[in-house]
Amino acid sequence: MFLWKVSLVIAQRKQKEGASIELQNRLSLPDFVRRYVYASSNTQAANIGLPELAETLDVSVATLKRKLKEFGTSYRALSEEVQRNHALLLLSVHKVSNEAAANAMGINDLPNFRRTVKRLTGKTPSELRI
């Protein structure tokens, strides 16, 4: 039933965007959460997190946590994975400045951006650009 809700939410979003809904049936809960986190980071909206995702799926936060645990993961782990991949893409591949990368990741303070990148990747932004 839970995966049906994920598929329903995806279908509704895809229909709003006018896109195909063929992929919806193949998307697992962790993949859905990754897409949600990535889309949320691109909108730079405040207060987007686990409670909002649970509300979107029309389940309790505890149920969402339990379902993610069944997949061997957590919201935080998936969120950090998305942030790490986004940082690596921006800094290693596109070689953008710290300011541009921080802005793209929704981080307004450069020292916080540097600490976040170091925590997520184990390297500083300048080390990633090499």
Foldseek 3Di string as FASTA:
>chain_A
DLLVLQLVLQVVVCVVVVHDSPCSVVADPLNSLLVQLLVCQQVLDPPDFQCVVCVSSVHHSVVSQVSVVVVVDGSVVSNLVSLQVLLLCVQQPVNDDLCVSCVRRNHDDSVVSQVSNCVSPVDGSVVSND
